[in-house]
C-alpha atoms as a PDB file:
ATOM      1  CA  UNK A   1      -0.030  -0.140  -0.211  1.00  0.00           C
ATOM      2  CA  UNK A   2       1.354   3.686  -0.708  1.00  0.00           C
ATOM      3  CA  UNK A   3       0.991   5.248   2.289  1.00  0.00           C
ATOM      4  CA  UNK A   4       2.611   8.858   1.616  1.00  0.00           C
ATOM      5  CA  UNK A   5       1.202  11.777   0.019  1.00  0.00           C
ATOM      6  CA  UNK A   6       3.221  14.736  -1.427  1.00  0.00           C
ATOM      7  CA  UNK A   7       1.353  18.260  -1.690  1.00  0.00           C
ATOM      8  CA  UNK A   8       2.909  20.844  -3.136  1.00  0.00           C
ATOM      9  CA  UNK A   9       1.316  23.776  -1.828  1.00  0.00           C
ATOM     10  CA  UNK A  10       3.836  26.925  -2.411  1.00  0.00           C
ATOM     11  CA  UNK A  11       2.353  28.544  -5.372  1.00  0.00           C
ATOM     12  CA  UNK A  12       1.514  32.348  -5.065  1.00  0.00           C
ATOM     13  CA  UNK A  13      -1.934  31.988  -6.638  1.00  0.00           C
ATOM     14  CA  UNK A  14      -1.721  35.160  -8.694  1.00  0.00           C
ATOM     15  CA  UNK A  15      -5.046  34.428 -10.765  1.00  0.00           C
ATOM     16  CA  UNK A  16      -6.869  35.199  -7.368  1.00  0.00           C
ATOM     17  CA  UNK A  17      -5.120  38.493  -6.640  1.00  0.00           C
ATOM     18  CA  UNK A  18      -5.922  40.351  -4.012  1.00  0.00           C
ATOM     19  CA  UNK A  19      -7.524  37.847  -2.233  1.00  0.00           C
ATOM     20  CA  UNK A  20      -4.208  35.470  -2.362  1.00  0.00           C
ATOM     21  CA  UNK A  21      -2.009  38.451  -1.535  1.00  0.00           C
ATOM     22  CA  UNK A  22      -2.141  37.221   2.164  1.00  0.00           C
ATOM     23  CA  UNK A  23      -4.175  34.091   1.749  1.00  0.00           C
ATOM     24  CA  UNK A  24      -2.889  30.719   0.614  1.00  0.00           C
ATOM     25  CA  UNK A  25      -4.630  29.861  -2.840  1.00  0.00           C
ATOM     26  CA  UNK A  26      -5.264  26.395  -1.307  1.00  0.00           C
ATOM     27  CA  UNK A  27      -7.377  27.587   1.680  1.00  0.00           C
ATOM     28  CA  UNK A  28      -9.616  29.347  -0.345  1.00  0.00           C
ATOM     29  CA  UNK A  29     -13.036  27.534   0.345  1.00  0.00           C
ATOM     30  CA  UNK A  30     -15.203  25.521  -2.000  1.00  0.00           C
ATOM     31  CA  UNK A  31     -18.468  26.242   0.140  1.00  0.00           C
ATOM     32  CA  UNK A  32     -17.090  25.656   3.499  1.00  0.00           C
ATOM     33  CA  UNK A  33     -13.962  23.814   3.020  1.00  0.00           C
ATOM     34  CA  UNK A  34     -10.590  24.784   1.807  1.00  0.00           C
ATOM     35  CA  UNK A  35      -9.075  23.128  -1.318  1.00  0.00           C
ATOM     36  CA  UNK A  36      -6.501  21.820   0.410  1.00  0.00           C
ATOM     37  CA  UNK A  37      -9.007  19.878   2.805  1.00  0.00           C
ATOM     38  CA  UNK A  38     -10.606  18.137  -0.193  1.00  0.00           C
ATOM     39  CA  UNK A  39      -7.330  16.770  -1.516  1.00  0.00           C
ATOM     40  CA  UNK A  40      -6.062  15.728   1.778  1.00  0.00           C
ATOM     41  CA  UNK A  41      -9.488  13.862   2.482  1.00  0.00           C
ATOM     42  CA  UNK A  42      -8.857  12.197  -0.971  1.00  0.00           C
ATOM     43  CA  UNK A  43      -5.416  10.954   0.002  1.00  0.00           C
ATOM     44  CA  UNK A  44      -6.522   9.671   3.266  1.00  0.00           C
ATOM     45  CA  UNK A  45      -9.286   7.541   1.612  1.00  0.00           C
ATOM     46  CA  UNK A  46      -6.565   5.967  -0.745  1.00  0.00           C
ATOM     47  CA  UNK A  47      -4.628   4.884   2.296  1.00  0.00           C
ATOM     48  CA  UNK A  48      -2.026   7.693   2.114  1.00  0.00           C
ATOM     49  CA  UNK A  49      -2.351   9.161   5.828  1.00  0.00           C
ATOM     50  CA  UNK A  50       1.258  10.517   5.970  1.00  0.00           C
ATOM     51  CA  UNK A  51       0.636  14.239   4.480  1.00  0.00           C
ATOM     52  CA  UNK A  52       3.881  16.124   3.237  1.00  0.00           C
ATOM     53  CA  UNK A  53       3.350  19.419   2.590  1.00  0.00           C
ATOM     54  CA  UNK A  54       5.842  21.640   0.765  1.00  0.00           C
ATOM     55  CA  UNK A  55       4.944  24.902   1.657  1.00  0.00           C
ATOM     56  CA  UNK A  56       6.483  28.719   1.274  1.00  0.00           C
ATOM     57  CA  UNK A  57       6.301  31.732   2.751  1.00  0.00           C
ATOM     58  CA  UNK A  58       3.222  33.226   3.958  1.00  0.00           C
ATOM     59  CA  UNK A  59       1.467  29.581   4.251  1.00  0.00           C
ATOM     60  CA  UNK A  60       1.547  29.472   7.505  1.00  0.00           C
ATOM     61  CA  UNK A  61      -2.497  29.293   7.218  1.00  0.00           C
ATOM     62  CA  UNK A  62      -2.438  25.507   6.103  1.00  0.00           C
ATOM     63  CA  UNK A  63      -0.215  24.480   8.888  1.00  0.00           C
ATOM     64  CA  UNK A  64      -2.892  26.069  11.137  1.00  0.00           C
ATOM     65  CA  UNK A  65      -5.590  24.205   9.501  1.00  0.00           C
ATOM     66  CA  UNK A  66      -4.312  20.866  10.173  1.00  0.00           C
ATOM     67  CA  UNK A  67      -3.819  21.505  14.101  1.00  0.00           C
ATOM     68  CA  UNK A  68      -5.955  21.807  16.635  1.00  0.00           C
ATOM     69  CA  UNK A  69      -7.234  25.662  17.558  1.00  0.00           C
ATOM     70  CA  UNK A  70      -7.701  24.941  21.587  1.00  0.00           C
ATOM     71  CA  UNK A  71      -9.406  28.769  21.652  1.00  0.00           C
ATOM     72  CA  UNK A  72     -12.264  28.020  19.058  1.00  0.00           C
ATOM     73  CA  UNK A  73     -12.720  24.522  20.449  1.00  0.00           C
ATOM     74  CA  UNK A  74     -13.010  26.053  23.828  1.00  0.00           C
ATOM     75  CA  UNK A  75     -15.729  28.785  22.402  1.00  0.00           C
ATOM     76  CA  UNK A  76     -18.010  26.477  20.965  1.00  0.00           C
ATOM     77  CA  UNK A  77     -17.683  23.205  22.944  1.00  0.00           C
ATOM     78  CA  UNK A  78     -20.911  22.064  23.759  1.00  0.00           C
ATOM     79  CA  UNK A  79     -22.678  24.215  21.359  1.00  0.00           C
ATOM     80  CA  UNK A  80     -24.588  23.157  17.949  1.00  0.00           C
ATOM     81  CA  UNK A  81     -21.494  24.827  16.033  1.00  0.00           C
ATOM     82  CA  UNK A  82     -19.334  21.839  16.719  1.00  0.00           C
ATOM     83  CA  UNK A  83     -20.813  19.742  14.259  1.00  0.00           C
ATOM     84  CA  UNK A  84     -19.008  22.551  11.461  1.00  0.00           C
ATOM     85  CA  UNK A  85     -15.941  20.939  12.837  1.00  0.00           C
ATOM     86  CA  UNK A  86     -16.456  17.201  12.056  1.00  0.00           C
ATOM     87  CA  UNK A  87     -14.820  16.867   9.214  1.00  0.00           C
ATOM     88  CA  UNK A  88     -11.479  18.276   9.872  1.00  0.00           C
ATOM     89  CA  UNK A  89     -11.208  16.697  13.259  1.00  0.00           C
ATOM     90  CA  UNK A  90     -11.870  13.302  11.045  1.00  0.00           C
ATOM     91  CA  UNK A  91      -8.905  14.483   9.085  1.00  0.00           C
ATOM     92  CA  UNK A  92      -6.677  15.528  12.515  1.00  0.00           C
ATOM     93  CA  UNK A  93      -7.793  11.774  13.670  1.00  0.00           C
ATOM     94  CA  UNK A  94      -6.461  10.192  10.578  1.00  0.00           C
ATOM     95  CA  UNK A  95      -3.647  12.072   8.944  1.00  0.00           C
ATOM     96  CA  UNK A  96       0.062  12.630   9.856  1.00  0.00           C
ATOM     97  CA  UNK A  97       1.387  15.835   8.461  1.00  0.00           C
ATOM     98  CA  UNK A  98       4.833  17.062   7.979  1.00  0.00           C
ATOM     99  CA  UNK A  99       6.148  19.881   6.072  1.00  0.00           C
ATOM    100  CA  UNK A 100       9.094  21.361   4.426  1.00  0.00           C
ATOM    101  CA  UNK A 101       9.530  24.816   3.012  1.00  0.00           C
ATOM    102  CA  UNK A 102      10.314  25.561  -0.873  1.00  0.00           C
ATOM    103  CA  UNK A 103      12.308  28.838  -0.907  1.00  0.00           C
ATOM    104  CA  UNK A 104      12.273  29.749  -4.568  1.00  0.00           C
ATOM    105  CA  UNK A 105       9.452  28.633  -7.109  1.00  0.00           C
ATOM    106  CA  UNK A 106      11.289  26.720  -9.662  1.00  0.00           C
ATOM    107  CA  UNK A 107       8.359  24.442 -11.115  1.00  0.00           C
ATOM    108  CA  UNK A 108       6.726  21.548 -10.195  1.00  0.00           C
ATOM    109  CA  UNK A 109       9.718  19.068 -10.318  1.00  0.00           C
ATOM    110  CA  UNK A 110      11.450  21.217  -7.933  1.00  0.00           C
ATOM    111  CA  UNK A 111       8.760  21.259  -5.421  1.00  0.00           C
ATOM    112  CA  UNK A 112       8.757  17.434  -5.422  1.00  0.00           C
ATOM    113  CA  UNK A 113      12.000  17.175  -5.115  1.00  0.00           C
ATOM    114  CA  UNK A 114      11.890  19.431  -2.166  1.00  0.00           C
ATOM    115  CA  UNK A 115       9.904  17.082  -0.678  1.00  0.00           C
ATOM    116  CA  UNK A 116      12.231  14.011  -0.969  1.00  0.00           C
ATOM    117  CA  UNK A 117      13.473  14.063   2.923  1.00  0.00           C
ATOM    118  CA  UNK A 118       9.902  13.455   3.651  1.00  0.00           C
ATOM    119  CA  UNK A 119       9.089  10.754   1.275  1.00  0.00           C
ATOM    120  CA  UNK A 120      12.281   8.540   1.370  1.00  0.00           C
ATOM    121  CA  UNK A 121      12.572   5.704  -0.734  1.00  0.00           C
ATOM    122  CA  UNK A 122       9.146   4.212  -1.782  1.00  0.00           C
ATOM    123  CA  UNK A 123       6.144   5.013  -3.891  1.00  0.00           C
ATOM    124  CA  UNK A 124       4.105   8.071  -3.429  1.00  0.00           C
ATOM    125  CA  UNK A 125       1.215   9.970  -4.495  1.00  0.00           C
ATOM    126  CA  UNK A 126       0.853  13.740  -5.569  1.00  0.00           C
ATOM    127  CA  UNK A 127      -1.949  15.790  -5.364  1.00  0.00           C
ATOM    128  CA  UNK A 128      -2.291  19.621  -6.862  1.00  0.00           C
ATOM    129  CA  UNK A 129      -5.216  20.861  -4.703  1.00  0.00           C
ATOM    130  CA  UNK A 130      -5.934  23.191  -7.747  1.00  0.00           C
ATOM    131  CA  UNK A 131      -7.397  20.450  -9.357  1.00  0.00           C
ATOM    132  CA  UNK A 132     -10.603  19.510  -7.567  1.00  0.00           C
ATOM    133  CA  UNK A 133     -11.911  15.880  -8.354  1.00  0.00           C
ATOM    134  CA  UNK A 134     -15.172  14.670  -6.876  1.00  0.00           C
ATOM    135  CA  UNK A 135     -17.452  11.572  -7.658  1.00  0.00           C
ATOM    136  CA  UNK A 136     -19.526   9.228  -5.682  1.00  0.00           C
ATOM    137  CA  UNK A 137     -17.207   6.236  -5.807  1.00  0.00           C
ATOM    138  CA  UNK A 138     -13.472   5.634  -4.734  1.00  0.00           C
ATOM    139  CA  UNK A 139     -11.779   9.038  -5.490  1.00  0.00           C
ATOM    140  CA  UNK A 140      -8.854   9.455  -8.150  1.00  0.00           C
ATOM    141  CA  UNK A 141      -5.918   8.701  -5.971  1.00  0.00           C
ATOM    142  CA  UNK A 142      -7.808   5.455  -4.486  1.00  0.00           C
ATOM    143  CA  UNK A 143      -8.378   4.325  -8.445  1.00  0.00           C
ATOM    144  CA  UNK A 144      -4.819   5.097  -9.218  1.00  0.00           C
ATOM    145  CA  UNK A 145      -3.244   3.029  -6.169  1.00  0.00           C
ATOM    146  CA  UNK A 146      -5.173   0.288  -7.279  1.00  0.00           C
ATOM    147  CA  UNK A 147      -3.790   0.383 -10.445  1.00  0.00           C
ATOM    148  CA  UNK A 148      -0.522   0.827  -8.988  1.00  0.00           C
ATOM    149  CA  UNK A 149      -0.748  -2.534  -7.605  1.00  0.00           C
ATOM    150  CA  UNK A 150      -0.977  -3.881 -10.779  1.00  0.00           C
ATOM    151  CA  UNK A 151       1.712  -2.327 -12.650  1.00  0.00           C
ATOM    152  CA  UNK A 152       3.946  -1.442  -9.821  1.00  0.00           C
ATOM    153  CA  UNK A 153       5.363   1.960 -11.867  1.00  0.00           C
ATOM    154  CA  UNK A 154       4.524   5.727 -12.165  1.00  0.00           C
ATOM    155  CA  UNK A 155       1.158   6.651 -13.249  1.00  0.00           C
ATOM    156  CA  UNK A 156      -0.423  10.063 -14.221  1.00  0.00           C
ATOM    157  CA  UNK A 157      -4.110  11.064 -14.382  1.00  0.00           C
ATOM    158  CA  UNK A 158      -5.767  12.417 -17.790  1.00  0.00           C
ATOM    159  CA  UNK A 159      -8.657  13.549 -19.236  1.00  0.00           C
ATOM    160  CA  UNK A 160      -9.236  14.915 -22.628  1.00  0.00           C
ATOM    161  CA  UNK A 161      -9.642  18.670 -23.398  1.00  0.00           C
ATOM    162  CA  UNK A 162     -10.122  20.627 -26.217  1.00  0.00           C
ATOM    163  CA  UNK A 163      -7.319  21.191 -28.870  1.00  0.00           C
ATOM    164  CA  UNK A 164      -7.297  24.848 -28.239  1.00  0.00           C
ATOM    165  CA  UNK A 165      -6.649  24.080 -24.641  1.00  0.00           C
ATOM    166  CA  UNK A 166      -3.677  21.642 -24.796  1.00  0.00           C
ATOM    167  CA  UNK A 167      -1.085  24.845 -24.208  1.00  0.00           C
ATOM    168  CA  UNK A 168      -2.196  24.666 -20.366  1.00  0.00           C
ATOM    169  CA  UNK A 169      -1.266  21.321 -19.848  1.00  0.00           C
ATOM    170  CA  UNK A 170       1.384  18.514 -19.995  1.00  0.00           C
ATOM    171  CA  UNK A 171       0.258  16.069 -22.818  1.00  0.00           C
ATOM    172  CA  UNK A 172       0.948  12.565 -23.529  1.00  0.00           C
ATOM    173  CA  UNK A 173       0.558   9.995 -26.241  1.00  0.00           C
ATOM    174  CA  UNK A 174       1.202   6.354 -25.855  1.00  0.00           C
ATOM    175  CA  UNK A 175       0.041   2.834 -26.357  1.00  0.00           C
ATOM    176  CA  UNK A 176      -3.587   2.043 -25.565  1.00  0.00           C
ATOM    177  CA  UNK A 177      -3.751  -1.034 -23.241  1.00  0.00           C
ATOM    178  CA  UNK A 178      -7.118  -0.992 -22.600  1.00  0.00           C
ATOM    179  CA  UNK A 179     -10.216   1.337 -21.950  1.00  0.00           C
ATOM    180  CA  UNK A 180      -8.787   4.474 -20.178  1.00  0.00           C
ATOM    181  CA  UNK A 181      -5.312   3.153 -19.694  1.00  0.00           C
ATOM    182  CA  UNK A 182      -2.410   3.867 -21.771  1.00  0.00           C
ATOM    183  CA  UNK A 183       1.483   3.109 -21.867  1.00  0.00           C
ATOM    184  CA  UNK A 184       3.114   6.707 -22.270  1.00  0.00           C
ATOM    185  CA  UNK A 185       5.663   7.065 -25.225  1.00  0.00           C
ATOM    186  CA  UNK A 186       5.712  10.622 -25.305  1.00  0.00           C
ATOM    187  CA  UNK A 187       4.975  13.772 -22.936  1.00  0.00           C
ATOM    188  CA  UNK A 188       5.217  16.939 -23.705  1.00  0.00           C
ATOM    189  CA  UNK A 189       4.986  20.061 -21.225  1.00  0.00           C
ATOM    190  CA  UNK A 190       2.382  22.824 -22.393  1.00  0.00           C
ATOM    191  CA  UNK A 191       2.758  22.130 -26.368  1.00  0.00           C
ATOM    192  CA  UNK A 192       1.481  24.534 -29.057  1.00  0.00           C
ATOM    193  CA  UNK A 193      -1.732  23.107 -30.389  1.00  0.00           C
ATOM    194  CA  UNK A 194      -0.413  22.252 -34.023  1.00  0.00           C
ATOM    195  CA  UNK A 195       2.687  20.353 -31.893  1.00  0.00           C
ATOM    196  CA  UNK A 196       0.633  18.369 -29.212  1.00  0.00           C
ATOM    197  CA  UNK A 197       0.922  14.517 -29.571  1.00  0.00           C
ATOM    198  CA  UNK A 198      -2.762  14.254 -28.556  1.00  0.00           C
ATOM    199  CA  UNK A 199      -5.292  15.904 -26.376  1.00  0.00           C
ATOM    200  CA  UNK A 200      -4.749  14.020 -23.497  1.00  0.00           C
ATOM    201  CA  UNK A 201      -4.005  16.075 -20.642  1.00  0.00           C
ATOM    202  CA  UNK A 202      -2.267  15.437 -17.362  1.00  0.00           C
ATOM    203  CA  UNK A 203      -4.372  16.559 -14.456  1.00  0.00           C
ATOM    204  CA  UNK A 204      -2.891  17.155 -10.552  1.00  0.00           C
ATOM    205  CA  UNK A 205      -2.748  13.638  -9.329  1.00  0.00           C
ATOM    206  CA  UNK A 206       0.080  11.036  -9.652  1.00  0.00           C
ATOM    207  CA  UNK A 207       1.591   7.672  -8.103  1.00  0.00           C
ATOM    208  CA  UNK A 208       5.626   8.520  -8.416  1.00  0.00           C
ATOM    209  CA  UNK A 209       8.143   5.789  -7.891  1.00  0.00           C
ATOM    210  CA  UNK A 210      11.047   6.918  -5.677  1.00  0.00           C
ATOM    211  CA  UNK A 211      13.623   6.660  -8.594  1.00  0.00           C
ATOM    212  CA  UNK A 212      11.601  10.157 -10.123  1.00  0.00           C
ATOM    213  CA  UNK A 213      14.168  11.885  -7.639  1.00  0.00           C
ATOM    214  CA  UNK A 214      17.357  11.179  -9.112  1.00  0.00           C
ATOM    215  CA  UNK A 215      15.749  11.756 -12.276  1.00  0.00           C
ATOM    216  CA  UNK A 216      14.414  15.252 -11.273  1.00  0.00           C
ATOM    217  CA  UNK A 217      17.936  16.227  -9.922  1.00  0.00           C
ATOM    218  CA  UNK A 218      19.403  15.298 -13.865  1.00  0.00           C
ATOM    219  CA  UNK A 219      16.526  17.074 -15.362  1.00  0.00           C
ATOM    220  CA  UNK A 220      17.358  20.668 -16.791  1.00  0.00           C
ATOM    221  CA  UNK A 221      15.007  23.391 -16.669  1.00  0.00           C
ATOM    222  CA  UNK A 222      12.396  23.503 -19.301  1.00  0.00           C
ATOM    223  CA  UNK A 223       9.405  25.633 -20.035  1.00  0.00           C
ATOM    224  CA  UNK A 224       9.338  28.851 -18.619  1.00  0.00           C
ATOM    225  CA  UNK A 225      12.718  28.082 -16.825  1.00  0.00           C
ATOM    226  CA  UNK A 226      11.323  26.006 -14.585  1.00  0.00           C
ATOM    227  CA  UNK A 227      12.133  22.019 -13.660  1.00  0.00           C
ATOM    228  CA  UNK A 228       9.123  20.394 -15.024  1.00  0.00           C
ATOM    229  CA  UNK A 229       8.256  17.202 -13.780  1.00  0.00           C
ATOM    230  CA  UNK A 230       6.558  16.220 -17.244  1.00  0.00           C
ATOM    231  CA  UNK A 231      10.311  16.364 -18.312  1.00  0.00           C
ATOM    232  CA  UNK A 232      11.442  13.966 -15.622  1.00  0.00           C
ATOM    233  CA  UNK A 233       8.130  11.171 -16.373  1.00  0.00           C
ATOM    234  CA  UNK A 234       9.487  11.631 -19.939  1.00  0.00           C
ATOM    235  CA  UNK A 235      12.670  10.102 -19.126  1.00  0.00           C
ATOM    236  CA  UNK A 236      11.417   7.902 -16.791  1.00  0.00           C
ATOM    237  CA  UNK A 237       8.941   6.472 -19.599  1.00  0.00           C
ATOM    238  CA  UNK A 238      12.240   6.207 -22.128  1.00  0.00           C
ATOM    239  CA  UNK A 239      14.018   4.290 -19.575  1.00  0.00           C
ATOM    240  CA  UNK A 240      11.374   2.517 -17.861  1.00  0.00           C
ATOM    241  CA  UNK A 241       7.467   2.690 -17.824  1.00  0.00           C
ATOM    242  CA  UNK A 242       4.862   5.363 -17.084  1.00  0.00           C
ATOM    243  CA  UNK A 243       0.992   4.474 -17.251  1.00  0.00           C
ATOM    244  CA  UNK A 244      -1.480   7.282 -17.804  1.00  0.00           C
ATOM    245  CA  UNK A 245      -4.825   6.564 -16.528  1.00  0.00           C
ATOM    246  CA  UNK A 246      -8.333   8.297 -17.626  1.00  0.00           C
ATOM    247  CA  UNK A 247      -9.679   8.872 -14.407  1.00  0.00           C
ATOM    248  CA  UNK A 248     -13.497   8.332 -13.308  1.00  0.00           C
ATOM    249  CA  UNK A 249     -14.978  11.255 -11.495  1.00  0.00           C
ATOM    250  CA  UNK A 250     -15.100  15.086 -12.239  1.00  0.00           C
ATOM    251  CA  UNK A 251     -12.474  17.287 -12.287  1.00  0.00           C
ATOM    252  CA  UNK A 252     -12.810  21.201 -11.694  1.00  0.00           C
ATOM    253  CA  UNK A 253      -9.775  23.447 -12.511  1.00  0.00           C
ATOM    254  CA  UNK A 254      -9.903  25.300  -9.505  1.00  0.00           C
ATOM    255  CA  UNK A 255      -6.727  27.503 -10.327  1.00  0.00           C
ATOM    256  CA  UNK A 256      -8.758  29.515 -12.466  1.00  0.00           C
ATOM    257  CA  UNK A 257     -11.871  31.888 -11.573  1.00  0.00           C
ATOM    258  CA  UNK A 258     -14.264  30.057 -13.961  1.00  0.00           C
ATOM    259  CA  UNK A 259     -13.449  26.847 -12.796  1.00  0.00           C
ATOM    260  CA  UNK A 260     -13.579  27.557  -9.063  1.00  0.00           C
ATOM    261  CA  UNK A 261     -16.647  29.569  -9.339  1.00  0.00           C
ATOM    262  CA  UNK A 262     -18.082  26.195 -11.254  1.00  0.00           C
ATOM    263  CA  UNK A 263     -16.843  24.291  -8.404  1.00  0.00           C
ATOM    264  CA  UNK A 264     -18.232  26.121  -5.760  1.00  0.00           C
ATOM    265  CA  UNK A 265     -21.674  25.781  -7.586  1.00  0.00           C
ATOM    266  CA  UNK A 266     -21.426  22.190  -7.805  1.00  0.00           C
ATOM    267  CA  UNK A 267     -20.525  21.327  -4.338  1.00  0.00           C
ATOM    268  CA  UNK A 268     -23.401  23.483  -2.992  1.00  0.00           C
ATOM    269  CA  UNK A 269     -25.977  21.941  -5.169  1.00  0.00           C
ATOM    270  CA  UNK A 270     -24.677  18.506  -4.687  1.00  0.00           C
ATOM    271  CA  UNK A 271     -22.732  18.025  -1.513  1.00  0.00           C
ATOM    272  CA  UNK A 272     -23.393  20.736   0.927  1.00  0.00           C
ATOM    273  CA  UNK A 273     -25.955  20.125   3.895  1.00  0.00           C
ATOM    274  CA  UNK A 274     -25.589  16.306   2.839  1.00  0.00           C
ATOM    275  CA  UNK A 275     -22.515  15.521   5.084  1.00  0.00           C
END
């Protein structure tokens, strides 16, 4: 069983300024729960109870969220408001949280390498809180963990996107082994539509084998001068095996304002008040 999940949560969230000037974008609430908590709940459901957070300056609210607030607990103790804390109490009871700071923003690959001391030499999940994935069955990471038990290699979650949006994503091409599962031959980070090998875009869910750390160390900066995880995974695919999985569920791009609003409306209409 994969026991650890890494959360890169050091980004600035510039698309949500000025709200994110002093508040981590991962703490933006979709109705009454912050994005990062949705992600942690998904990881815990998948058995990944050790949550490794790669944070940065100005992100202390994330650490505080995954801790007890004695003053708040005292003030609402014995009142009906206590039920509002049920979900985070469950998370705190089940999860173990460790943190390290990413001092400079040098790309997703660099963020994952920063988290190496928290992961060690074992396979692990990676979850990007910007991508909110919802369904009524097993979560995306749980689906991928089951697939890992079969293939024992790195796995990326993918979905089809419109061709005119492929420049926003890492994109894969490969051999289809069966419905929704591909052996990756090629990966390109944010290609132009004319150069994209497909419209199968990588979203913010990964399972990675620990050799990825050494590969990232040897990966030069790529798009935007950043160390791209996609480039490291392309090397891993060439030397060994990387699978891509078209997951079951609905994904919202909460890194954009329209996607965040869409997610909020969907959660309010379908989930709010039903816990």
